[in-house]
Protein backbone atom coordinates (compact mmCIF):
# COMPACT_ATOMS: atom_id res chain seq x y z
CA UNK A 1 0.00 0.00 0.00
CA UNK A 2 1.11 3.55 -0.73
CA UNK A 3 0.66 5.35 2.62
CA UNK A 4 1.09 8.73 4.26
CA UNK A 5 0.22 10.41 7.55
CA UNK A 6 -1.88 13.54 7.33
CA UNK A 7 -4.15 16.13 8.82
CA UNK A 8 -7.37 16.38 6.84
CA UNK A 9 -9.26 19.63 6.34
CA UNK A 10 -12.90 20.24 7.14
CA UNK A 11 -15.35 20.71 4.28
CA UNK A 12 -15.88 24.45 4.80
CA UNK A 13 -12.15 25.18 4.48
CA UNK A 14 -11.95 22.93 1.41
CA UNK A 15 -14.81 24.90 -0.18
CA UNK A 16 -13.13 28.24 0.60
CA UNK A 17 -9.82 27.11 -0.88
CA UNK A 18 -11.54 25.53 -3.89
CA UNK A 19 -13.38 28.79 -4.67
CA UNK A 20 -10.05 30.63 -4.83
CA UNK A 21 -8.46 27.84 -6.85
CA UNK A 22 -11.37 28.03 -9.32
CA UNK A 23 -10.29 31.58 -10.12
CA UNK A 24 -6.67 30.52 -10.54
CA UNK A 25 -7.70 27.64 -12.83
CA UNK A 26 -9.02 30.19 -15.32
CA UNK A 27 -5.52 31.38 -16.19
CA UNK A 28 -3.42 30.13 -19.06
CA UNK A 29 -0.75 28.48 -16.92
CA UNK A 30 0.35 24.90 -16.71
CA UNK A 31 -0.53 23.85 -13.14
CA UNK A 32 -2.02 20.55 -11.99
CA UNK A 33 -4.38 21.61 -9.20
CA UNK A 34 -5.08 19.37 -6.23
CA UNK A 35 -8.77 18.37 -6.21
CA UNK A 36 -10.62 19.82 -3.20
CA UNK A 37 -11.40 16.35 -1.82
CA UNK A 38 -7.65 15.56 -1.70
CA UNK A 39 -6.53 18.67 0.19
CA UNK A 40 -4.58 17.70 3.30
CA UNK A 41 -1.42 18.54 5.23
CA UNK A 42 1.16 15.79 4.89
CA UNK A 43 2.98 15.04 8.12
CA UNK A 44 4.95 12.17 6.63
CA UNK A 45 4.93 10.34 3.30
CA UNK A 46 5.68 6.65 3.84
CA UNK A 47 5.51 5.39 0.26
CA UNK A 48 4.98 1.71 -0.45
CA UNK A 49 4.27 0.13 2.92
CA UNK A 50 3.77 -3.60 3.51
CA UNK A 51 0.33 -4.32 4.96
CA UNK A 52 1.87 -6.37 7.77
CA UNK A 53 3.59 -3.25 9.19
CA UNK A 54 0.45 -1.08 9.32
CA UNK A 55 -0.54 -2.47 12.73
CA UNK A 56 2.83 -1.38 14.13
CA UNK A 57 2.34 2.04 12.52
CA UNK A 58 -1.08 2.27 14.16
CA UNK A 59 0.41 1.56 17.57
CA UNK A 60 3.09 4.20 17.10
CA UNK A 61 0.59 6.80 15.88
CA UNK A 62 -1.68 6.08 18.85
CA UNK A 63 1.33 6.84 21.04
CA UNK A 64 2.02 10.09 19.20
CA UNK A 65 -1.58 11.28 19.31
CA UNK A 66 -1.76 10.51 23.03
CA UNK A 67 1.08 12.96 23.67
CA UNK A 68 -0.31 16.01 21.82
CA UNK A 69 -3.19 18.34 22.57
CA UNK A 70 -5.53 19.51 19.84
CA UNK A 71 -4.65 22.88 18.32
CA UNK A 72 -5.79 25.44 15.76
CA UNK A 73 -4.23 26.22 12.40
CA UNK A 74 -4.74 29.38 10.36
CA UNK A 75 -4.35 29.26 6.57
CA UNK A 76 -3.19 32.55 5.07
CA UNK A 77 -1.42 33.59 1.91
CA UNK A 78 -0.47 31.81 -1.30
CA UNK A 79 3.09 31.24 -2.47
CA UNK A 80 5.37 28.94 -4.45
CA UNK A 81 8.32 26.62 -3.82
CA UNK A 82 11.24 26.78 -4.39
CA UNK A 83 11.12 30.40 -5.63
CA UNK A 84 9.36 32.75 -8.04
CA UNK A 85 11.88 32.16 -10.86
CA UNK A 86 11.32 28.40 -10.81
CA UNK A 87 7.92 27.75 -9.23
CA UNK A 88 7.22 24.03 -8.80
CA UNK A 89 4.68 23.83 -5.96
CA UNK A 90 1.80 26.22 -5.22
CA UNK A 91 0.95 26.36 -1.53
CA UNK A 92 -1.06 28.06 1.18
CA UNK A 93 0.91 29.14 4.23
CA UNK A 94 0.15 28.07 7.79
CA UNK A 95 0.40 30.83 10.39
CA UNK A 96 2.29 30.08 13.66
CA UNK A 97 2.36 26.31 13.20
CA UNK A 98 4.55 25.47 16.24
CA UNK A 99 2.14 22.77 17.49
CA UNK A 100 2.06 21.25 14.00
CA UNK A 101 5.86 21.23 13.82
CA UNK A 102 6.12 19.46 17.19
CA UNK A 103 3.53 16.90 16.08
CA UNK A 104 5.37 16.23 12.81
CA UNK A 105 8.69 15.83 14.61
CA UNK A 106 7.13 13.29 16.97
CA UNK A 107 5.58 11.37 14.07
CA UNK A 108 8.99 11.26 12.39
CA UNK A 109 10.71 10.14 15.61
CA UNK A 110 8.20 7.39 16.35
CA UNK A 111 8.34 6.06 12.78
CA UNK A 112 12.13 5.85 13.01
CA UNK A 113 11.63 3.14 15.66
CA UNK A 114 9.94 1.07 12.91
CA UNK A 115 12.85 1.51 10.51
CA UNK A 116 11.55 4.47 8.50
CA UNK A 117 14.41 6.85 7.81
CA UNK A 118 14.09 10.25 9.43
CA UNK A 119 13.41 13.20 7.18
CA UNK A 120 16.64 14.94 6.22
CA UNK A 121 14.95 18.21 5.24
CA UNK A 122 13.34 20.53 7.76
CA UNK A 123 9.57 20.28 7.83
CA UNK A 124 8.06 23.26 6.00
CA UNK A 125 4.42 23.58 7.14
CA UNK A 126 2.18 24.31 4.15
CA UNK A 127 -0.84 23.09 2.23
CA UNK A 128 -0.04 22.09 -1.36
CA UNK A 129 -2.76 23.24 -3.75
CA UNK A 130 -1.00 22.71 -7.10
CA UNK A 131 2.10 21.54 -8.94
CA UNK A 132 3.59 23.66 -11.73
CA UNK A 133 4.24 21.55 -14.83
CA UNK A 134 5.85 24.22 -17.01
CA UNK A 135 6.65 27.94 -16.93
CA UNK A 136 3.98 28.81 -19.52
CA UNK A 137 2.26 32.01 -18.35
CA UNK A 138 4.54 32.29 -15.31
CA UNK A 139 4.52 36.11 -15.09
CA UNK A 140 0.73 36.35 -15.22
CA UNK A 141 0.46 33.46 -12.81
CA UNK A 142 2.81 35.13 -10.31
CA UNK A 143 0.83 38.35 -10.62
CA UNK A 144 -2.36 36.46 -9.74
CA UNK A 145 -0.55 34.86 -6.83
CA UNK A 146 0.65 38.25 -5.58
CA UNK A 147 -2.99 39.31 -5.17
CA UNK A 148 -3.47 36.34 -2.81
CA UNK A 149 -0.30 36.68 -0.72
CA UNK A 150 -2.26 37.97 2.31
CA UNK A 151 -5.57 36.15 1.71
CA UNK A 152 -7.00 34.66 4.91
CA UNK A 153 -8.63 31.31 4.17
CA UNK A 154 -9.71 30.59 7.73
CA UNK A 155 -8.92 28.24 10.59
CA UNK A 156 -9.38 24.62 11.46
CA UNK A 157 -9.20 22.84 14.76
CA UNK A 158 -6.79 19.93 14.51
CA UNK A 159 -8.06 17.18 16.78
CA UNK A 160 -6.73 14.06 15.06
CA UNK A 161 -4.18 12.65 12.67
CA UNK A 162 -4.82 10.11 9.93
CA UNK A 163 -3.03 7.15 8.42
CA UNK A 164 -4.00 7.40 4.77
CA UNK A 165 -3.78 5.19 1.70
CA UNK A 166 -3.23 6.57 -1.80
CA UNK A 167 -4.47 4.59 -4.78
CA UNK A 168 -3.11 5.86 -8.08
CA UNK A 169 -5.88 5.85 -10.70
CA UNK A 170 -5.91 7.13 -14.31
CA UNK A 171 -7.94 10.16 -13.16
CA UNK A 172 -5.48 10.90 -10.32
CA UNK A 173 -4.78 9.80 -6.77
CA UNK A 174 -7.68 8.62 -4.64
CA UNK A 175 -7.14 8.88 -0.88
CA UNK A 176 -8.83 6.84 1.81
CA UNK A 177 -8.50 6.70 5.59
CA UNK A 178 -6.94 3.55 7.04
CA UNK A 179 -7.13 4.76 10.66
CA UNK A 180 -7.54 7.95 12.67
CA UNK A 181 -5.94 8.91 15.95
CA UNK A 182 -7.51 11.56 18.19
CA UNK A 183 -5.31 14.11 19.91
CA UNK A 184 -5.80 15.00 23.57
CA UNK A 185 -8.68 17.45 23.96
CA UNK A 186 -7.64 20.84 25.30
CA UNK A 187 -9.47 22.04 28.40
CA UNK A 188 -11.22 24.74 26.37
CA UNK A 189 -12.38 22.24 23.66
CA UNK A 190 -15.97 21.18 23.98
C-alpha atoms as a PDB file:
ATOM      1  CA  UNK A   1       0.000   0.000   0.000  1.00  0.00           C
ATOM      2  CA  UNK A   2       1.113   3.545  -0.727  1.00  0.00           C
ATOM      3  CA  UNK A   3       0.664   5.347   2.618  1.00  0.00           C
ATOM      4  CA  UNK A   4       1.088   8.727   4.264  1.00  0.00           C
ATOM      5  CA  UNK A   5       0.223  10.406   7.546  1.00  0.00           C
ATOM      6  CA  UNK A   6      -1.876  13.544   7.333  1.00  0.00           C
ATOM      7  CA  UNK A   7      -4.155  16.133   8.818  1.00  0.00           C
ATOM      8  CA  UNK A   8      -7.373  16.378   6.838  1.00  0.00           C
ATOM      9  CA  UNK A   9      -9.258  19.633   6.341  1.00  0.00           C
ATOM     10  CA  UNK A  10     -12.900  20.242   7.135  1.00  0.00           C
ATOM     11  CA  UNK A  11     -15.349  20.709   4.275  1.00  0.00           C
ATOM     12  CA  UNK A  12     -15.878  24.450   4.801  1.00  0.00           C
ATOM     13  CA  UNK A  13     -12.148  25.183   4.482  1.00  0.00           C
ATOM     14  CA  UNK A  14     -11.949  22.935   1.411  1.00  0.00           C
ATOM     15  CA  UNK A  15     -14.811  24.897  -0.182  1.00  0.00           C
ATOM     16  CA  UNK A  16     -13.128  28.239   0.596  1.00  0.00           C
ATOM     17  CA  UNK A  17      -9.823  27.110  -0.884  1.00  0.00           C
ATOM     18  CA  UNK A  18     -11.545  25.527  -3.885  1.00  0.00           C
ATOM     19  CA  UNK A  19     -13.384  28.787  -4.671  1.00  0.00           C
ATOM     20  CA  UNK A  20     -10.053  30.632  -4.832  1.00  0.00           C
ATOM     21  CA  UNK A  21      -8.464  27.845  -6.854  1.00  0.00           C
ATOM     22  CA  UNK A  22     -11.370  28.034  -9.320  1.00  0.00           C
ATOM     23  CA  UNK A  23     -10.286  31.582 -10.116  1.00  0.00           C
ATOM     24  CA  UNK A  24      -6.670  30.521 -10.544  1.00  0.00           C
ATOM     25  CA  UNK A  25      -7.700  27.641 -12.828  1.00  0.00           C
ATOM     26  CA  UNK A  26      -9.024  30.192 -15.321  1.00  0.00           C
ATOM     27  CA  UNK A  27      -5.523  31.378 -16.187  1.00  0.00           C
ATOM     28  CA  UNK A  28      -3.417  30.135 -19.064  1.00  0.00           C
ATOM     29  CA  UNK A  29      -0.755  28.477 -16.920  1.00  0.00           C
ATOM     30  CA  UNK A  30       0.348  24.902 -16.706  1.00  0.00           C
ATOM     31  CA  UNK A  31      -0.527  23.852 -13.144  1.00  0.00           C
ATOM     32  CA  UNK A  32      -2.022  20.555 -11.989  1.00  0.00           C
ATOM     33  CA  UNK A  33      -4.376  21.613  -9.202  1.00  0.00           C
ATOM     34  CA  UNK A  34      -5.083  19.374  -6.230  1.00  0.00           C
ATOM     35  CA  UNK A  35      -8.770  18.365  -6.206  1.00  0.00           C
ATOM     36  CA  UNK A  36     -10.617  19.821  -3.196  1.00  0.00           C
ATOM     37  CA  UNK A  37     -11.396  16.351  -1.822  1.00  0.00           C
ATOM     38  CA  UNK A  38      -7.649  15.563  -1.704  1.00  0.00           C
ATOM     39  CA  UNK A  39      -6.525  18.672   0.188  1.00  0.00           C
ATOM     40  CA  UNK A  40      -4.575  17.703   3.304  1.00  0.00           C
ATOM     41  CA  UNK A  41      -1.416  18.541   5.230  1.00  0.00           C
ATOM     42  CA  UNK A  42       1.162  15.790   4.889  1.00  0.00           C
ATOM     43  CA  UNK A  43       2.981  15.038   8.121  1.00  0.00           C
ATOM     44  CA  UNK A  44       4.949  12.171   6.633  1.00  0.00           C
ATOM     45  CA  UNK A  45       4.925  10.341   3.302  1.00  0.00           C
ATOM     46  CA  UNK A  46       5.678   6.654   3.842  1.00  0.00           C
ATOM     47  CA  UNK A  47       5.509   5.395   0.259  1.00  0.00           C
ATOM     48  CA  UNK A  48       4.977   1.715  -0.453  1.00  0.00           C
ATOM     49  CA  UNK A  49       4.273   0.135   2.919  1.00  0.00           C
ATOM     50  CA  UNK A  50       3.767  -3.597   3.508  1.00  0.00           C
ATOM     51  CA  UNK A  51       0.334  -4.316   4.964  1.00  0.00           C
ATOM     52  CA  UNK A  52       1.873  -6.370   7.771  1.00  0.00           C
ATOM     53  CA  UNK A  53       3.586  -3.252   9.194  1.00  0.00           C
ATOM     54  CA  UNK A  54       0.445  -1.083   9.317  1.00  0.00           C
ATOM     55  CA  UNK A  55      -0.541  -2.471  12.728  1.00  0.00           C
ATOM     56  CA  UNK A  56       2.828  -1.381  14.132  1.00  0.00           C
ATOM     57  CA  UNK A  57       2.343   2.044  12.520  1.00  0.00           C
ATOM     58  CA  UNK A  58      -1.083   2.269  14.161  1.00  0.00           C
ATOM     59  CA  UNK A  59       0.405   1.557  17.575  1.00  0.00           C
ATOM     60  CA  UNK A  60       3.092   4.199  17.098  1.00  0.00           C
ATOM     61  CA  UNK A  61       0.586   6.803  15.878  1.00  0.00           C
ATOM     62  CA  UNK A  62      -1.676   6.081  18.852  1.00  0.00           C
ATOM     63  CA  UNK A  63       1.335   6.839  21.040  1.00  0.00           C
ATOM     64  CA  UNK A  64       2.021  10.088  19.200  1.00  0.00           C
ATOM     65  CA  UNK A  65      -1.578  11.285  19.306  1.00  0.00           C
ATOM     66  CA  UNK A  66      -1.757  10.507  23.034  1.00  0.00           C
ATOM     67  CA  UNK A  67       1.079  12.962  23.670  1.00  0.00           C
ATOM     68  CA  UNK A  68      -0.311  16.005  21.823  1.00  0.00           C
ATOM     69  CA  UNK A  69      -3.191  18.343  22.570  1.00  0.00           C
ATOM     70  CA  UNK A  70      -5.534  19.507  19.843  1.00  0.00           C
ATOM     71  CA  UNK A  71      -4.649  22.878  18.321  1.00  0.00           C
ATOM     72  CA  UNK A  72      -5.795  25.445  15.764  1.00  0.00           C
ATOM     73  CA  UNK A  73      -4.226  26.221  12.400  1.00  0.00           C
ATOM     74  CA  UNK A  74      -4.742  29.376  10.361  1.00  0.00           C
ATOM     75  CA  UNK A  75      -4.351  29.259   6.567  1.00  0.00           C
ATOM     76  CA  UNK A  76      -3.189  32.554   5.070  1.00  0.00           C
ATOM     77  CA  UNK A  77      -1.419  33.588   1.906  1.00  0.00           C
ATOM     78  CA  UNK A  78      -0.472  31.814  -1.301  1.00  0.00           C
ATOM     79  CA  UNK A  79       3.091  31.235  -2.467  1.00  0.00           C
ATOM     80  CA  UNK A  80       5.370  28.943  -4.448  1.00  0.00           C
ATOM     81  CA  UNK A  81       8.321  26.617  -3.820  1.00  0.00           C
ATOM     82  CA  UNK A  82      11.244  26.783  -4.392  1.00  0.00           C
ATOM     83  CA  UNK A  83      11.120  30.396  -5.625  1.00  0.00           C
ATOM     84  CA  UNK A  84       9.363  32.755  -8.042  1.00  0.00           C
ATOM     85  CA  UNK A  85      11.877  32.161 -10.857  1.00  0.00           C
ATOM     86  CA  UNK A  86      11.322  28.401 -10.810  1.00  0.00           C
ATOM     87  CA  UNK A  87       7.925  27.748  -9.227  1.00  0.00           C
ATOM     88  CA  UNK A  88       7.217  24.028  -8.798  1.00  0.00           C
ATOM     89  CA  UNK A  89       4.676  23.826  -5.958  1.00  0.00           C
ATOM     90  CA  UNK A  90       1.799  26.225  -5.218  1.00  0.00           C
ATOM     91  CA  UNK A  91       0.954  26.364  -1.525  1.00  0.00           C
ATOM     92  CA  UNK A  92      -1.058  28.060   1.177  1.00  0.00           C
ATOM     93  CA  UNK A  93       0.907  29.136   4.228  1.00  0.00           C
ATOM     94  CA  UNK A  94       0.147  28.074   7.794  1.00  0.00           C
ATOM     95  CA  UNK A  95       0.401  30.832  10.394  1.00  0.00           C
ATOM     96  CA  UNK A  96       2.285  30.077  13.659  1.00  0.00           C
ATOM     97  CA  UNK A  97       2.361  26.308  13.201  1.00  0.00           C
ATOM     98  CA  UNK A  98       4.549  25.473  16.238  1.00  0.00           C
ATOM     99  CA  UNK A  99       2.142  22.767  17.490  1.00  0.00           C
ATOM    100  CA  UNK A 100       2.060  21.253  14.001  1.00  0.00           C
ATOM    101  CA  UNK A 101       5.859  21.228  13.817  1.00  0.00           C
ATOM    102  CA  UNK A 102       6.124  19.456  17.186  1.00  0.00           C
ATOM    103  CA  UNK A 103       3.534  16.900  16.079  1.00  0.00           C
ATOM    104  CA  UNK A 104       5.366  16.233  12.810  1.00  0.00           C
ATOM    105  CA  UNK A 105       8.685  15.831  14.615  1.00  0.00           C
ATOM    106  CA  UNK A 106       7.131  13.294  16.974  1.00  0.00           C
ATOM    107  CA  UNK A 107       5.580  11.371  14.068  1.00  0.00           C
ATOM    108  CA  UNK A 108       8.992  11.264  12.390  1.00  0.00           C
ATOM    109  CA  UNK A 109      10.709  10.138  15.610  1.00  0.00           C
ATOM    110  CA  UNK A 110       8.198   7.389  16.347  1.00  0.00           C
ATOM    111  CA  UNK A 111       8.341   6.060  12.783  1.00  0.00           C
ATOM    112  CA  UNK A 112      12.129   5.853  13.015  1.00  0.00           C
ATOM    113  CA  UNK A 113      11.632   3.143  15.656  1.00  0.00           C
ATOM    114  CA  UNK A 114       9.945   1.073  12.910  1.00  0.00           C
ATOM    115  CA  UNK A 115      12.846   1.506  10.512  1.00  0.00           C
ATOM    116  CA  UNK A 116      11.547   4.467   8.501  1.00  0.00           C
ATOM    117  CA  UNK A 117      14.410   6.850   7.807  1.00  0.00           C
ATOM    118  CA  UNK A 118      14.086  10.250   9.426  1.00  0.00           C
ATOM    119  CA  UNK A 119      13.413  13.203   7.175  1.00  0.00           C
ATOM    120  CA  UNK A 120      16.641  14.938   6.218  1.00  0.00           C
ATOM    121  CA  UNK A 121      14.950  18.207   5.243  1.00  0.00           C
ATOM    122  CA  UNK A 122      13.340  20.528   7.758  1.00  0.00           C
ATOM    123  CA  UNK A 123       9.567  20.281   7.832  1.00  0.00           C
ATOM    124  CA  UNK A 124       8.059  23.259   5.996  1.00  0.00           C
ATOM    125  CA  UNK A 125       4.421  23.582   7.137  1.00  0.00           C
ATOM    126  CA  UNK A 126       2.184  24.306   4.145  1.00  0.00           C
ATOM    127  CA  UNK A 127      -0.842  23.092   2.226  1.00  0.00           C
ATOM    128  CA  UNK A 128      -0.035  22.088  -1.361  1.00  0.00           C
ATOM    129  CA  UNK A 129      -2.759  23.244  -3.751  1.00  0.00           C
ATOM    130  CA  UNK A 130      -1.000  22.713  -7.097  1.00  0.00           C
ATOM    131  CA  UNK A 131       2.099  21.541  -8.939  1.00  0.00           C
ATOM    132  CA  UNK A 132       3.586  23.658 -11.727  1.00  0.00           C
ATOM    133  CA  UNK A 133       4.242  21.548 -14.833  1.00  0.00           C
ATOM    134  CA  UNK A 134       5.853  24.221 -17.010  1.00  0.00           C
ATOM    135  CA  UNK A 135       6.648  27.941 -16.933  1.00  0.00           C
ATOM    136  CA  UNK A 136       3.977  28.805 -19.521  1.00  0.00           C
ATOM    137  CA  UNK A 137       2.260  32.009 -18.348  1.00  0.00           C
ATOM    138  CA  UNK A 138       4.538  32.294 -15.311  1.00  0.00           C
ATOM    139  CA  UNK A 139       4.524  36.110 -15.093  1.00  0.00           C
ATOM    140  CA  UNK A 140       0.729  36.355 -15.216  1.00  0.00           C
ATOM    141  CA  UNK A 141       0.458  33.464 -12.805  1.00  0.00           C
ATOM    142  CA  UNK A 142       2.807  35.125 -10.309  1.00  0.00           C
ATOM    143  CA  UNK A 143       0.827  38.347 -10.620  1.00  0.00           C
ATOM    144  CA  UNK A 144      -2.364  36.464  -9.744  1.00  0.00           C
ATOM    145  CA  UNK A 145      -0.550  34.856  -6.829  1.00  0.00           C
ATOM    146  CA  UNK A 146       0.650  38.252  -5.581  1.00  0.00           C
ATOM    147  CA  UNK A 147      -2.985  39.312  -5.170  1.00  0.00           C
ATOM    148  CA  UNK A 148      -3.470  36.336  -2.809  1.00  0.00           C
ATOM    149  CA  UNK A 149      -0.297  36.684  -0.722  1.00  0.00           C
ATOM    150  CA  UNK A 150      -2.259  37.965   2.308  1.00  0.00           C
ATOM    151  CA  UNK A 151      -5.566  36.152   1.706  1.00  0.00           C
ATOM    152  CA  UNK A 152      -7.001  34.663   4.911  1.00  0.00           C
ATOM    153  CA  UNK A 153      -8.632  31.313   4.165  1.00  0.00           C
ATOM    154  CA  UNK A 154      -9.711  30.593   7.728  1.00  0.00           C
ATOM    155  CA  UNK A 155      -8.917  28.240  10.588  1.00  0.00           C
ATOM    156  CA  UNK A 156      -9.381  24.620  11.458  1.00  0.00           C
ATOM    157  CA  UNK A 157      -9.198  22.845  14.760  1.00  0.00           C
ATOM    158  CA  UNK A 158      -6.794  19.932  14.514  1.00  0.00           C
ATOM    159  CA  UNK A 159      -8.060  17.184  16.782  1.00  0.00           C
ATOM    160  CA  UNK A 160      -6.730  14.056  15.062  1.00  0.00           C
ATOM    161  CA  UNK A 161      -4.178  12.648  12.666  1.00  0.00           C
ATOM    162  CA  UNK A 162      -4.818  10.107   9.934  1.00  0.00           C
ATOM    163  CA  UNK A 163      -3.026   7.145   8.421  1.00  0.00           C
ATOM    164  CA  UNK A 164      -4.002   7.404   4.767  1.00  0.00           C
ATOM    165  CA  UNK A 165      -3.784   5.191   1.700  1.00  0.00           C
ATOM    166  CA  UNK A 166      -3.232   6.568  -1.802  1.00  0.00           C
ATOM    167  CA  UNK A 167      -4.471   4.589  -4.780  1.00  0.00           C
ATOM    168  CA  UNK A 168      -3.110   5.856  -8.084  1.00  0.00           C
ATOM    169  CA  UNK A 169      -5.881   5.852 -10.703  1.00  0.00           C
ATOM    170  CA  UNK A 170      -5.914   7.128 -14.307  1.00  0.00           C
ATOM    171  CA  UNK A 171      -7.937  10.163 -13.155  1.00  0.00           C
ATOM    172  CA  UNK A 172      -5.477  10.898 -10.319  1.00  0.00           C
ATOM    173  CA  UNK A 173      -4.785   9.796  -6.771  1.00  0.00           C
ATOM    174  CA  UNK A 174      -7.677   8.622  -4.640  1.00  0.00           C
ATOM    175  CA  UNK A 175      -7.140   8.882  -0.880  1.00  0.00           C
ATOM    176  CA  UNK A 176      -8.826   6.836   1.812  1.00  0.00           C
ATOM    177  CA  UNK A 177      -8.496   6.697   5.594  1.00  0.00           C
ATOM    178  CA  UNK A 178      -6.937   3.553   7.044  1.00  0.00           C
ATOM    179  CA  UNK A 179      -7.126   4.760  10.660  1.00  0.00           C
ATOM    180  CA  UNK A 180      -7.535   7.946  12.666  1.00  0.00           C
ATOM    181  CA  UNK A 181      -5.940   8.909  15.947  1.00  0.00           C
ATOM    182  CA  UNK A 182      -7.512  11.562  18.194  1.00  0.00           C
ATOM    183  CA  UNK A 183      -5.309  14.105  19.910  1.00  0.00           C
ATOM    184  CA  UNK A 184      -5.802  15.002  23.575  1.00  0.00           C
ATOM    185  CA  UNK A 185      -8.676  17.453  23.958  1.00  0.00           C
ATOM    186  CA  UNK A 186      -7.642  20.840  25.301  1.00  0.00           C
ATOM    187  CA  UNK A 187      -9.468  22.037  28.399  1.00  0.00           C
ATOM    188  CA  UNK A 188     -11.219  24.742  26.365  1.00  0.00           C
ATOM    189  CA  UNK A 189     -12.384  22.244  23.664  1.00  0.00           C
ATOM    190  CA  UNK A 190     -15.973  21.177  23.983  1.00  0.00           C
END
